[in-house]
Amino acid sequence: ETIVVGYTIYDPMNYLDENGELIGYDT
């Protein structure tokens, strides 16, 4: 089953690294 997690861009919780990959504490 798939879980869809809603987020906004918010460093350091959910943000994109230099390669465009979503990272962060919440992620």
mmCIF file of all heavy atoms, coordinates in Angstrom:
data_MODEL
# 
_entry.id   MODEL 
# 
loop_
_atom_site.group_PDB 
_atom_site.id 
_atom_site.type_symbol 
_atom_site.label_atom_id 
_atom_site.label_alt_id 
_atom_site.label_comp_id 
_atom_site.label_asym_id 
_atom_site.label_entity_id 
_atom_site.label_seq_id 
_atom_site.pdbx_PDB_ins_code 
_atom_site.Cartn_x 
_atom_site.Cartn_y 
_atom_site.Cartn_z 
_atom_site.occupancy 
_atom_site.B_iso_or_equiv 
_atom_site.pdbx_formal_charge 
_atom_site.auth_seq_id 
_atom_site.auth_comp_id 
_atom_site.auth_asym_id 
_atom_site.auth_atom_id 
_atom_site.pdbx_PDB_model_num 
ATOM 1   N N   . GLU A 1 1  ? 0.844  -1.184 0.000  1.00 0.00 ? 1  GLU A N   1 
ATOM 2   C CA  . GLU A 1 1  ? 0.000  0.000  0.000  1.00 0.00 ? 1  GLU A CA  1 
ATOM 3   C C   . GLU A 1 1  ? 0.885  1.242  0.000  1.00 0.00 ? 1  GLU A C   1 
ATOM 4   O O   . GLU A 1 1  ? 2.022  1.223  0.469  1.00 0.00 ? 1  GLU A O   1 
ATOM 5   C CB  . GLU A 1 1  ? -0.914 0.011  1.227  1.00 0.00 ? 1  GLU A CB  1 
ATOM 6   C CG  . GLU A 1 1  ? -2.060 -0.970 1.157  1.00 0.00 ? 1  GLU A CG  1 
ATOM 7   C CD  . GLU A 1 1  ? -3.046 -0.775 2.294  1.00 0.00 ? 1  GLU A CD  1 
ATOM 8   O OE1 . GLU A 1 1  ? -3.107 0.328  2.842  1.00 0.00 ? 1  GLU A OE1 1 
ATOM 9   O OE2 . GLU A 1 1  ? -3.734 -1.739 2.634  1.00 0.00 ? 1  GLU A OE2 1 
ATOM 10  N N   . THR A 1 2  ? 0.339  2.313  -0.529 1.00 0.00 ? 2  THR A N   1 
ATOM 11  C CA  . THR A 1 2  ? 1.087  3.564  -0.626 1.00 0.00 ? 2  THR A CA  1 
ATOM 12  C C   . THR A 1 2  ? 0.547  4.586  0.365  1.00 0.00 ? 2  THR A C   1 
ATOM 13  O O   . THR A 1 2  ? -0.665 4.722  0.530  1.00 0.00 ? 2  THR A O   1 
ATOM 14  C CB  . THR A 1 2  ? 0.988  4.141  -2.056 1.00 0.00 ? 2  THR A CB  1 
ATOM 15  O OG1 . THR A 1 2  ? 1.566  3.207  -2.969 1.00 0.00 ? 2  THR A OG1 1 
ATOM 16  C CG2 . THR A 1 2  ? 1.721  5.468  -2.158 1.00 0.00 ? 2  THR A CG2 1 
ATOM 17  N N   . ILE A 1 3  ? 1.447  5.284  1.027  1.00 0.00 ? 3  ILE A N   1 
ATOM 18  C CA  . ILE A 1 3  ? 1.096  6.389  1.905  1.00 0.00 ? 3  ILE A CA  1 
ATOM 19  C C   . ILE A 1 3  ? 1.537  7.679  1.233  1.00 0.00 ? 3  ILE A C   1 
ATOM 20  O O   . ILE A 1 3  ? 2.683  7.799  0.788  1.00 0.00 ? 3  ILE A O   1 
ATOM 21  C CB  . ILE A 1 3  ? 1.798  6.257  3.275  1.00 0.00 ? 3  ILE A CB  1 
ATOM 22  C CG1 . ILE A 1 3  ? 1.198  5.115  4.089  1.00 0.00 ? 3  ILE A CG1 1 
ATOM 23  C CG2 . ILE A 1 3  ? 1.706  7.563  4.065  1.00 0.00 ? 3  ILE A CG2 1 
ATOM 24  C CD1 . ILE A 1 3  ? -0.227 5.353  4.552  1.00 0.00 ? 3  ILE A CD1 1 
ATOM 25  N N   . VAL A 1 4  ? 0.634  8.648  1.150  1.00 0.00 ? 4  VAL A N   1 
ATOM 26  C CA  . VAL A 1 4  ? 0.960  9.948  0.558  1.00 0.00 ? 4  VAL A CA  1 
ATOM 27  C C   . VAL A 1 4  ? 1.113  10.969 1.677  1.00 0.00 ? 4  VAL A C   1 
ATOM 28  O O   . VAL A 1 4  ? 0.172  11.228 2.429  1.00 0.00 ? 4  VAL A O   1 
ATOM 29  C CB  . VAL A 1 4  ? -0.120 10.403 -0.446 1.00 0.00 ? 4  VAL A CB  1 
ATOM 30  C CG1 . VAL A 1 4  ? 0.278  11.739 -1.074 1.00 0.00 ? 4  VAL A CG1 1 
ATOM 31  C CG2 . VAL A 1 4  ? -0.337 9.343  -1.520 1.00 0.00 ? 4  VAL A CG2 1 
ATOM 32  N N   . VAL A 1 5  ? 2.314  11.524 1.786  1.00 0.00 ? 5  VAL A N   1 
ATOM 33  C CA  . VAL A 1 5  ? 2.640  12.480 2.841  1.00 0.00 ? 5  VAL A CA  1 
ATOM 34  C C   . VAL A 1 5  ? 2.594  13.895 2.271  1.00 0.00 ? 5  VAL A C   1 
ATOM 35  O O   . VAL A 1 5  ? 3.320  14.215 1.323  1.00 0.00 ? 5  VAL A O   1 
ATOM 36  C CB  . VAL A 1 5  ? 4.046  12.203 3.416  1.00 0.00 ? 5  VAL A CB  1 
ATOM 37  C CG1 . VAL A 1 5  ? 4.433  13.263 4.444  1.00 0.00 ? 5  VAL A CG1 1 
ATOM 38  C CG2 . VAL A 1 5  ? 4.101  10.813 4.034  1.00 0.00 ? 5  VAL A CG2 1 
ATOM 39  N N   . GLY A 1 6  ? 1.759  14.761 2.825  1.00 0.00 ? 6  GLY A N   1 
ATOM 40  C CA  . GLY A 1 6  ? 1.664  16.147 2.397  1.00 0.00 ? 6  GLY A CA  1 
ATOM 41  C C   . GLY A 1 6  ? 2.733  16.993 3.065  1.00 0.00 ? 6  GLY A C   1 
ATOM 42  O O   . GLY A 1 6  ? 2.943  16.895 4.275  1.00 0.00 ? 6  GLY A O   1 
ATOM 43  N N   . TYR A 1 7  ? 3.401  17.831 2.274  1.00 0.00 ? 7  TYR A N   1 
ATOM 44  C CA  . TYR A 1 7  ? 4.475  18.668 2.822  1.00 0.00 ? 7  TYR A CA  1 
ATOM 45  C C   . TYR A 1 7  ? 4.569  19.981 2.051  1.00 0.00 ? 7  TYR A C   1 
ATOM 46  O O   . TYR A 1 7  ? 3.997  20.134 0.967  1.00 0.00 ? 7  TYR A O   1 
ATOM 47  C CB  . TYR A 1 7  ? 5.820  17.939 2.731  1.00 0.00 ? 7  TYR A CB  1 
ATOM 48  C CG  . TYR A 1 7  ? 6.410  17.934 1.332  1.00 0.00 ? 7  TYR A CG  1 
ATOM 49  C CD1 . TYR A 1 7  ? 7.379  18.863 0.955  1.00 0.00 ? 7  TYR A CD1 1 
ATOM 50  C CD2 . TYR A 1 7  ? 5.973  17.024 0.361  1.00 0.00 ? 7  TYR A CD2 1 
ATOM 51  C CE1 . TYR A 1 7  ? 7.892  18.888 -0.338 1.00 0.00 ? 7  TYR A CE1 1 
ATOM 52  C CE2 . TYR A 1 7  ? 6.485  17.039 -0.917 1.00 0.00 ? 7  TYR A CE2 1 
ATOM 53  C CZ  . TYR A 1 7  ? 7.450  17.975 -1.273 1.00 0.00 ? 7  TYR A CZ  1 
ATOM 54  O OH  . TYR A 1 7  ? 7.947  18.008 -2.534 1.00 0.00 ? 7  TYR A OH  1 
ATOM 55  N N   . THR A 1 8  ? 5.297  20.936 2.606  1.00 0.00 ? 8  THR A N   1 
ATOM 56  C CA  . THR A 1 8  ? 5.722  22.135 1.887  1.00 0.00 ? 8  THR A CA  1 
ATOM 57  C C   . THR A 1 8  ? 7.241  22.229 2.030  1.00 0.00 ? 8  THR A C   1 
ATOM 58  O O   . THR A 1 8  ? 7.832  21.604 2.911  1.00 0.00 ? 8  THR A O   1 
ATOM 59  C CB  . THR A 1 8  ? 5.081  23.415 2.447  1.00 0.00 ? 8  THR A CB  1 
ATOM 60  O OG1 . THR A 1 8  ? 5.490  23.592 3.816  1.00 0.00 ? 8  THR A OG1 1 
ATOM 61  C CG2 . THR A 1 8  ? 3.556  23.350 2.385  1.00 0.00 ? 8  THR A CG2 1 
ATOM 62  N N   . ILE A 1 9  ? 7.882  23.009 1.179  1.00 0.00 ? 9  ILE A N   1 
ATOM 63  C CA  . ILE A 1 9  ? 9.328  23.187 1.260  1.00 0.00 ? 9  ILE A CA  1 
ATOM 64  C C   . ILE A 1 9  ? 9.653  24.016 2.498  1.00 0.00 ? 9  ILE A C   1 
ATOM 65  O O   . ILE A 1 9  ? 9.202  25.153 2.638  1.00 0.00 ? 9  ILE A O   1 
ATOM 66  C CB  . ILE A 1 9  ? 9.882  23.873 0.000  1.00 0.00 ? 9  ILE A CB  1 
ATOM 67  C CG1 . ILE A 1 9  ? 9.680  22.959 -1.219 1.00 0.00 ? 9  ILE A CG1 1 
ATOM 68  C CG2 . ILE A 1 9  ? 11.351 24.220 0.169  1.00 0.00 ? 9  ILE A CG2 1 
ATOM 69  C CD1 . ILE A 1 9  ? 10.453 21.650 -1.145 1.00 0.00 ? 9  ILE A CD1 1 
ATOM 70  N N   . TYR A 1 10 ? 10.432 23.426 3.386  1.00 0.00 ? 10 TYR A N   1 
ATOM 71  C CA  . TYR A 1 10 ? 10.668 24.032 4.692  1.00 0.00 ? 10 TYR A CA  1 
ATOM 72  C C   . TYR A 1 10 ? 11.935 23.439 5.301  1.00 0.00 ? 10 TYR A C   1 
ATOM 73  O O   . TYR A 1 10 ? 11.920 22.377 5.900  1.00 0.00 ? 10 TYR A O   1 
ATOM 74  C CB  . TYR A 1 10 ? 9.421  23.762 5.563  1.00 0.00 ? 10 TYR A CB  1 
ATOM 75  C CG  . TYR A 1 10 ? 9.480  24.116 7.021  1.00 0.00 ? 10 TYR A CG  1 
ATOM 76  C CD1 . TYR A 1 10 ? 10.525 24.840 7.570  1.00 0.00 ? 10 TYR A CD1 1 
ATOM 77  C CD2 . TYR A 1 10 ? 8.464  23.710 7.869  1.00 0.00 ? 10 TYR A CD2 1 
ATOM 78  C CE1 . TYR A 1 10 ? 10.562 25.153 8.916  1.00 0.00 ? 10 TYR A CE1 1 
ATOM 79  C CE2 . TYR A 1 10 ? 8.476  24.019 9.219  1.00 0.00 ? 10 TYR A CE2 1 
ATOM 80  C CZ  . TYR A 1 10 ? 9.541  24.737 9.729  1.00 0.00 ? 10 TYR A CZ  1 
ATOM 81  O OH  . TYR A 1 10 ? 9.577  25.039 11.067 1.00 0.00 ? 10 TYR A OH  1 
ATOM 82  N N   . ASP A 1 11 ? 13.052 24.095 5.084  1.00 0.00 ? 11 ASP A N   1 
ATOM 83  C CA  . ASP A 1 11 ? 14.329 23.690 5.658  1.00 0.00 ? 11 ASP A CA  1 
ATOM 84  C C   . ASP A 1 11 ? 14.300 23.999 7.163  1.00 0.00 ? 11 ASP A C   1 
ATOM 85  O O   . ASP A 1 11 ? 13.926 25.109 7.555  1.00 0.00 ? 11 ASP A O   1 
ATOM 86  C CB  . ASP A 1 11 ? 15.429 24.513 4.968  1.00 0.00 ? 11 ASP A CB  1 
ATOM 87  C CG  . ASP A 1 11 ? 16.845 24.136 5.347  1.00 0.00 ? 11 ASP A CG  1 
ATOM 88  O OD1 . ASP A 1 11 ? 17.013 23.380 6.321  1.00 0.00 ? 11 ASP A OD1 1 
ATOM 89  O OD2 . ASP A 1 11 ? 17.776 24.608 4.682  1.00 0.00 ? 11 ASP A OD2 1 
ATOM 90  N N   . PRO A 1 12 ? 14.605 23.020 8.032  1.00 0.00 ? 12 PRO A N   1 
ATOM 91  C CA  . PRO A 1 12 ? 15.266 21.732 7.802  1.00 0.00 ? 12 PRO A CA  1 
ATOM 92  C C   . PRO A 1 12 ? 14.316 20.540 7.816  1.00 0.00 ? 12 PRO A C   1 
ATOM 93  O O   . PRO A 1 12 ? 14.760 19.416 7.976  1.00 0.00 ? 12 PRO A O   1 
ATOM 94  C CB  . PRO A 1 12 ? 16.198 21.654 9.012  1.00 0.00 ? 12 PRO A CB  1 
ATOM 95  C CG  . PRO A 1 12 ? 15.390 22.257 10.129 1.00 0.00 ? 12 PRO A CG  1 
ATOM 96  C CD  . PRO A 1 12 ? 14.605 23.372 9.482  1.00 0.00 ? 12 PRO A CD  1 
ATOM 97  N N   . MET A 1 13 ? 13.010 20.783 7.646  1.00 0.00 ? 13 MET A N   1 
ATOM 98  C CA  . MET A 1 13 ? 12.039 19.693 7.768  1.00 0.00 ? 13 MET A CA  1 
ATOM 99  C C   . MET A 1 13 ? 11.856 18.932 6.453  1.00 0.00 ? 13 MET A C   1 
ATOM 100 O O   . MET A 1 13 ? 11.950 17.708 6.416  1.00 0.00 ? 13 MET A O   1 
ATOM 101 C CB  . MET A 1 13 ? 10.690 20.235 8.263  1.00 0.00 ? 13 MET A CB  1 
ATOM 102 C CG  . MET A 1 13 ? 10.790 21.168 9.483  1.00 0.00 ? 13 MET A CG  1 
ATOM 103 S SD  . MET A 1 13 ? 11.814 20.545 10.828 1.00 0.00 ? 13 MET A SD  1 
ATOM 104 C CE  . MET A 1 13 ? 10.739 19.317 11.518 1.00 0.00 ? 13 MET A CE  1 
ATOM 105 N N   . ASN A 1 14 ? 11.557 19.643 5.384  1.00 0.00 ? 14 ASN A N   1 
ATOM 106 C CA  . ASN A 1 14 ? 11.409 19.038 4.052  1.00 0.00 ? 14 ASN A CA  1 
ATOM 107 C C   . ASN A 1 14 ? 11.967 20.027 3.033  1.00 0.00 ? 14 ASN A C   1 
ATOM 108 O O   . ASN A 1 14 ? 11.398 21.111 2.861  1.00 0.00 ? 14 ASN A O   1 
ATOM 109 C CB  . ASN A 1 14 ? 9.946  18.765 3.707  1.00 0.00 ? 14 ASN A CB  1 
ATOM 110 C CG  . ASN A 1 14 ? 9.179  18.014 4.772  1.00 0.00 ? 14 ASN A CG  1 
ATOM 111 O OD1 . ASN A 1 14 ? 8.737  18.614 5.743  1.00 0.00 ? 14 ASN A OD1 1 
ATOM 112 N ND2 . ASN A 1 14 ? 8.998  16.727 4.586  1.00 0.00 ? 14 ASN A ND2 1 
ATOM 113 N N   . TYR A 1 15 ? 13.036 19.670 2.340  1.00 0.00 ? 15 TYR A N   1 
ATOM 114 C CA  . TYR A 1 15 ? 13.598 20.586 1.352  1.00 0.00 ? 15 TYR A CA  1 
ATOM 115 C C   . TYR A 1 15 ? 14.427 19.802 0.334  1.00 0.00 ? 15 TYR A C   1 
ATOM 116 O O   . TYR A 1 15 ? 14.673 18.608 0.506  1.00 0.00 ? 15 TYR A O   1 
ATOM 117 C CB  . TYR A 1 15 ? 14.438 21.676 2.015  1.00 0.00 ? 15 TYR A CB  1 
ATOM 118 C CG  . TYR A 1 15 ? 15.656 21.184 2.766  1.00 0.00 ? 15 TYR A CG  1 
ATOM 119 C CD1 . TYR A 1 15 ? 16.926 21.277 2.203  1.00 0.00 ? 15 TYR A CD1 1 
ATOM 120 C CD2 . TYR A 1 15 ? 15.548 20.634 4.040  1.00 0.00 ? 15 TYR A CD2 1 
ATOM 121 C CE1 . TYR A 1 15 ? 18.056 20.832 2.886  1.00 0.00 ? 15 TYR A CE1 1 
ATOM 122 C CE2 . TYR A 1 15 ? 16.667 20.186 4.738  1.00 0.00 ? 15 TYR A CE2 1 
ATOM 123 C CZ  . TYR A 1 15 ? 17.914 20.289 4.149  1.00 0.00 ? 15 TYR A CZ  1 
ATOM 124 O OH  . TYR A 1 15 ? 19.026 19.845 4.827  1.00 0.00 ? 15 TYR A OH  1 
ATOM 125 N N   . LEU A 1 16 ? 14.835 20.483 -0.747 1.00 0.00 ? 16 LEU A N   1 
ATOM 126 C CA  . LEU A 1 16 ? 15.557 19.834 -1.828 1.00 0.00 ? 16 LEU A CA  1 
ATOM 127 C C   . LEU A 1 16 ? 17.061 20.058 -1.677 1.00 0.00 ? 16 LEU A C   1 
ATOM 128 O O   . LEU A 1 16 ? 17.504 21.169 -1.401 1.00 0.00 ? 16 LEU A O   1 
ATOM 129 C CB  . LEU A 1 16 ? 15.091 20.381 -3.182 1.00 0.00 ? 16 LEU A CB  1 
ATOM 130 C CG  . LEU A 1 16 ? 13.591 20.250 -3.486 1.00 0.00 ? 16 LEU A CG  1 
ATOM 131 C CD1 . LEU A 1 16 ? 13.274 20.904 -4.819 1.00 0.00 ? 16 LEU A CD1 1 
ATOM 132 C CD2 . LEU A 1 16 ? 13.154 18.793 -3.488 1.00 0.00 ? 16 LEU A CD2 1 
ATOM 133 N N   . ASP A 1 17 ? 17.829 18.978 -1.867 1.00 0.00 ? 17 ASP A N   1 
ATOM 134 C CA  . ASP A 1 17 ? 19.279 19.124 -1.820 1.00 0.00 ? 17 ASP A CA  1 
ATOM 135 C C   . ASP A 1 17 ? 19.781 19.608 -3.176 1.00 0.00 ? 17 ASP A C   1 
ATOM 136 O O   . ASP A 1 17 ? 18.994 19.918 -4.087 1.00 0.00 ? 17 ASP A O   1 
ATOM 137 C CB  . ASP A 1 17 ? 19.954 17.818 -1.386 1.00 0.00 ? 17 ASP A CB  1 
ATOM 138 C CG  . ASP A 1 17 ? 19.780 16.685 -2.397 1.00 0.00 ? 17 ASP A CG  1 
ATOM 139 O OD1 . ASP A 1 17 ? 19.308 16.933 -3.533 1.00 0.00 ? 17 ASP A OD1 1 
ATOM 140 O OD2 . ASP A 1 17 ? 20.113 15.535 -2.054 1.00 0.00 ? 17 ASP A OD2 1 
ATOM 141 N N   . GLU A 1 18 ? 21.110 19.678 -3.346 1.00 0.00 ? 18 GLU A N   1 
ATOM 142 C CA  . GLU A 1 18 ? 21.690 20.217 -4.577 1.00 0.00 ? 18 GLU A CA  1 
ATOM 143 C C   . GLU A 1 18 ? 21.371 19.357 -5.796 1.00 0.00 ? 18 GLU A C   1 
ATOM 144 O O   . GLU A 1 18 ? 21.470 19.817 -6.946 1.00 0.00 ? 18 GLU A O   1 
ATOM 145 C CB  . GLU A 1 18 ? 23.211 20.356 -4.433 1.00 0.00 ? 18 GLU A CB  1 
ATOM 146 C CG  . GLU A 1 18 ? 23.961 19.069 -4.151 1.00 0.00 ? 18 GLU A CG  1 
ATOM 147 C CD  . GLU A 1 18 ? 24.017 18.706 -2.676 1.00 0.00 ? 18 GLU A CD  1 
ATOM 148 O OE1 . GLU A 1 18 ? 23.309 19.360 -1.868 1.00 0.00 ? 18 GLU A OE1 1 
ATOM 149 O OE2 . GLU A 1 18 ? 24.759 17.771 -2.317 1.00 0.00 ? 18 GLU A OE2 1 
ATOM 150 N N   . ASN A 1 19 ? 20.942 18.133 -5.579 1.00 0.00 ? 19 ASN A N   1 
ATOM 151 C CA  . ASN A 1 19 ? 20.577 17.244 -6.685 1.00 0.00 ? 19 ASN A CA  1 
ATOM 152 C C   . ASN A 1 19 ? 19.071 17.203 -6.936 1.00 0.00 ? 19 ASN A C   1 
ATOM 153 O O   . ASN A 1 19 ? 18.593 16.421 -7.761 1.00 0.00 ? 19 ASN A O   1 
ATOM 154 C CB  . ASN A 1 19 ? 21.077 15.828 -6.405 1.00 0.00 ? 19 ASN A CB  1 
ATOM 155 C CG  . ASN A 1 19 ? 22.589 15.759 -6.269 1.00 0.00 ? 19 ASN A CG  1 
ATOM 156 O OD1 . ASN A 1 19 ? 23.307 16.342 -7.070 1.00 0.00 ? 19 ASN A OD1 1 
ATOM 157 N ND2 . ASN A 1 19 ? 23.069 15.069 -5.246 1.00 0.00 ? 19 ASN A ND2 1 
ATOM 158 N N   . GLY A 1 20 ? 18.337 18.049 -6.195 1.00 0.00 ? 20 GLY A N   1 
ATOM 159 C CA  . GLY A 1 20 ? 16.891 18.084 -6.372 1.00 0.00 ? 20 GLY A CA  1 
ATOM 160 C C   . GLY A 1 20 ? 16.159 16.982 -5.644 1.00 0.00 ? 20 GLY A C   1 
ATOM 161 O O   . GLY A 1 20 ? 14.968 16.764 -5.876 1.00 0.00 ? 20 GLY A O   1 
ATOM 162 N N   . GLU A 1 21 ? 16.861 16.282 -4.749 1.00 0.00 ? 21 GLU A N   1 
ATOM 163 C CA  . GLU A 1 21 ? 16.234 15.200 -3.979 1.00 0.00 ? 21 GLU A CA  1 
ATOM 164 C C   . GLU A 1 21 ? 15.628 15.756 -2.697 1.00 0.00 ? 21 GLU A C   1 
ATOM 165 O O   . GLU A 1 21 ? 16.236 16.585 -2.006 1.00 0.00 ? 21 GLU A O   1 
ATOM 166 C CB  . GLU A 1 21 ? 17.272 14.140 -3.632 1.00 0.00 ? 21 GLU A CB  1 
ATOM 167 C CG  . GLU A 1 21 ? 16.699 12.959 -2.858 1.00 0.00 ? 21 GLU A CG  1 
ATOM 168 C CD  . GLU A 1 21 ? 17.752 11.921 -2.495 1.00 0.00 ? 21 GLU A CD  1 
ATOM 169 O OE1 . GLU A 1 21 ? 18.900 12.044 -2.967 1.00 0.00 ? 21 GLU A OE1 1 
ATOM 170 O OE2 . GLU A 1 21 ? 17.421 10.994 -1.738 1.00 0.00 ? 21 GLU A OE2 1 
ATOM 171 N N   . LEU A 1 22 ? 14.426 15.290 -2.365 1.00 0.00 ? 22 LEU A N   1 
ATOM 172 C CA  . LEU A 1 22 ? 13.763 15.749 -1.151 1.00 0.00 ? 22 LEU A CA  1 
ATOM 173 C C   . LEU A 1 22 ? 14.422 15.117 0.068  1.00 0.00 ? 22 LEU A C   1 
ATOM 174 O O   . LEU A 1 22 ? 14.504 13.890 0.183  1.00 0.00 ? 22 LEU A O   1 
ATOM 175 C CB  . LEU A 1 22 ? 12.272 15.388 -1.189 1.00 0.00 ? 22 LEU A CB  1 
ATOM 176 C CG  . LEU A 1 22 ? 11.425 15.945 -0.033 1.00 0.00 ? 22 LEU A CG  1 
ATOM 177 C CD1 . LEU A 1 22 ? 11.330 17.462 -0.110 1.00 0.00 ? 22 LEU A CD1 1 
ATOM 178 C CD2 . LEU A 1 22 ? 10.020 15.336 -0.046 1.00 0.00 ? 22 LEU A CD2 1 
ATOM 179 N N   . ILE A 1 23 ? 14.882 15.973 0.972  1.00 0.00 ? 23 ILE A N   1 
ATOM 180 C CA  . ILE A 1 23 ? 15.507 15.509 2.207  1.00 0.00 ? 23 ILE A CA  1 
ATOM 181 C C   . ILE A 1 23 ? 14.920 16.309 3.370  1.00 0.00 ? 23 ILE A C   1 
ATOM 182 O O   . ILE A 1 23 ? 13.984 17.073 3.194  1.00 0.00 ? 23 ILE A O   1 
ATOM 183 C CB  . ILE A 1 23 ? 17.050 15.667 2.170  1.00 0.00 ? 23 ILE A CB  1 
ATOM 184 C CG1 . ILE A 1 23 ? 17.424 17.147 1.979  1.00 0.00 ? 23 ILE A CG1 1 
ATOM 185 C CG2 . ILE A 1 23 ? 17.653 14.807 1.071  1.00 0.00 ? 23 ILE A CG2 1 
ATOM 186 C CD1 . ILE A 1 23 ? 18.913 17.416 2.106  1.00 0.00 ? 23 ILE A CD1 1 
ATOM 187 N N   . GLY A 1 24 ? 15.479 16.141 4.561  1.00 0.00 ? 24 GLY A N   1 
ATOM 188 C CA  . GLY A 1 24 ? 15.033 16.904 5.726  1.00 0.00 ? 24 GLY A CA  1 
ATOM 189 C C   . GLY A 1 24 ? 14.657 15.986 6.873  1.00 0.00 ? 24 GLY A C   1 
ATOM 190 O O   . GLY A 1 24 ? 14.482 14.774 6.705  1.00 0.00 ? 24 GLY A O   1 
ATOM 191 N N   . TYR A 1 25 ? 14.535 16.584 8.050  1.00 0.00 ? 25 TYR A N   1 
ATOM 192 C CA  . TYR A 1 25 ? 14.224 15.807 9.250  1.00 0.00 ? 25 TYR A CA  1 
ATOM 193 C C   . TYR A 1 25 ? 12.875 15.114 9.116  1.00 0.00 ? 25 TYR A C   1 
ATOM 194 O O   . TYR A 1 25 ? 12.754 13.907 9.358  1.00 0.00 ? 25 TYR A O   1 
ATOM 195 C CB  . TYR A 1 25 ? 14.225 16.721 10.473 1.00 0.00 ? 25 TYR A CB  1 
ATOM 196 C CG  . TYR A 1 25 ? 13.954 15.985 11.766 1.00 0.00 ? 25 TYR A CG  1 
ATOM 197 C CD1 . TYR A 1 25 ? 14.947 15.213 12.362 1.00 0.00 ? 25 TYR A CD1 1 
ATOM 198 C CD2 . TYR A 1 25 ? 12.706 16.040 12.386 1.00 0.00 ? 25 TYR A CD2 1 
ATOM 199 C CE1 . TYR A 1 25 ? 14.707 14.511 13.539 1.00 0.00 ? 25 TYR A CE1 1 
ATOM 200 C CE2 . TYR A 1 25 ? 12.453 15.351 13.563 1.00 0.00 ? 25 TYR A CE2 1 
ATOM 201 C CZ  . TYR A 1 25 ? 13.460 14.591 14.137 1.00 0.00 ? 25 TYR A CZ  1 
ATOM 202 O OH  . TYR A 1 25 ? 13.222 13.898 15.296 1.00 0.00 ? 25 TYR A OH  1 
ATOM 203 N N   . ASP A 1 26 ? 11.849 15.862 8.747  1.00 0.00 ? 26 ASP A N   1 
ATOM 204 C CA  . ASP A 1 26 ? 10.521 15.252 8.592  1.00 0.00 ? 26 ASP A CA  1 
ATOM 205 C C   . ASP A 1 26 ? 10.513 14.220 7.479  1.00 0.00 ? 26 ASP A C   1 
ATOM 206 O O   . ASP A 1 26 ? 9.876  13.168 7.590  1.00 0.00 ? 26 ASP A O   1 
ATOM 207 C CB  . ASP A 1 26 ? 9.478  16.332 8.302  1.00 0.00 ? 26 ASP A CB  1 
ATOM 208 C CG  . ASP A 1 26 ? 8.958  17.001 9.561  1.00 0.00 ? 26 ASP A CG  1 
ATOM 209 O OD1 . ASP A 1 26 ? 9.361  16.600 10.663 1.00 0.00 ? 26 ASP A OD1 1 
ATOM 210 O OD2 . ASP A 1 26 ? 8.143  17.941 9.447  1.00 0.00 ? 26 ASP A OD2 1 
ATOM 211 N N   . THR A 1 27 ? 11.210 14.522 6.380  1.00 0.00 ? 27 THR A N   1 
ATOM 212 C CA  . THR A 1 27 ? 11.249 13.598 5.245  1.00 0.00 ? 27 THR A CA  1 
ATOM 213 C C   . THR A 1 27 ? 11.821 12.248 5.656  1.00 0.00 ? 27 THR A C   1 
ATOM 214 O O   . THR A 1 27 ? 11.221 11.192 5.410  1.00 0.00 ? 27 THR A O   1 
ATOM 215 C CB  . THR A 1 27 ? 12.100 14.180 4.105  1.00 0.00 ? 27 THR A CB  1 
ATOM 216 O OG1 . THR A 1 27 ? 11.581 15.462 3.727  1.00 0.00 ? 27 THR A OG1 1 
ATOM 217 C CG2 . THR A 1 27 ? 12.096 13.256 2.893  1.00 0.00 ? 27 THR A CG2 1 
# 
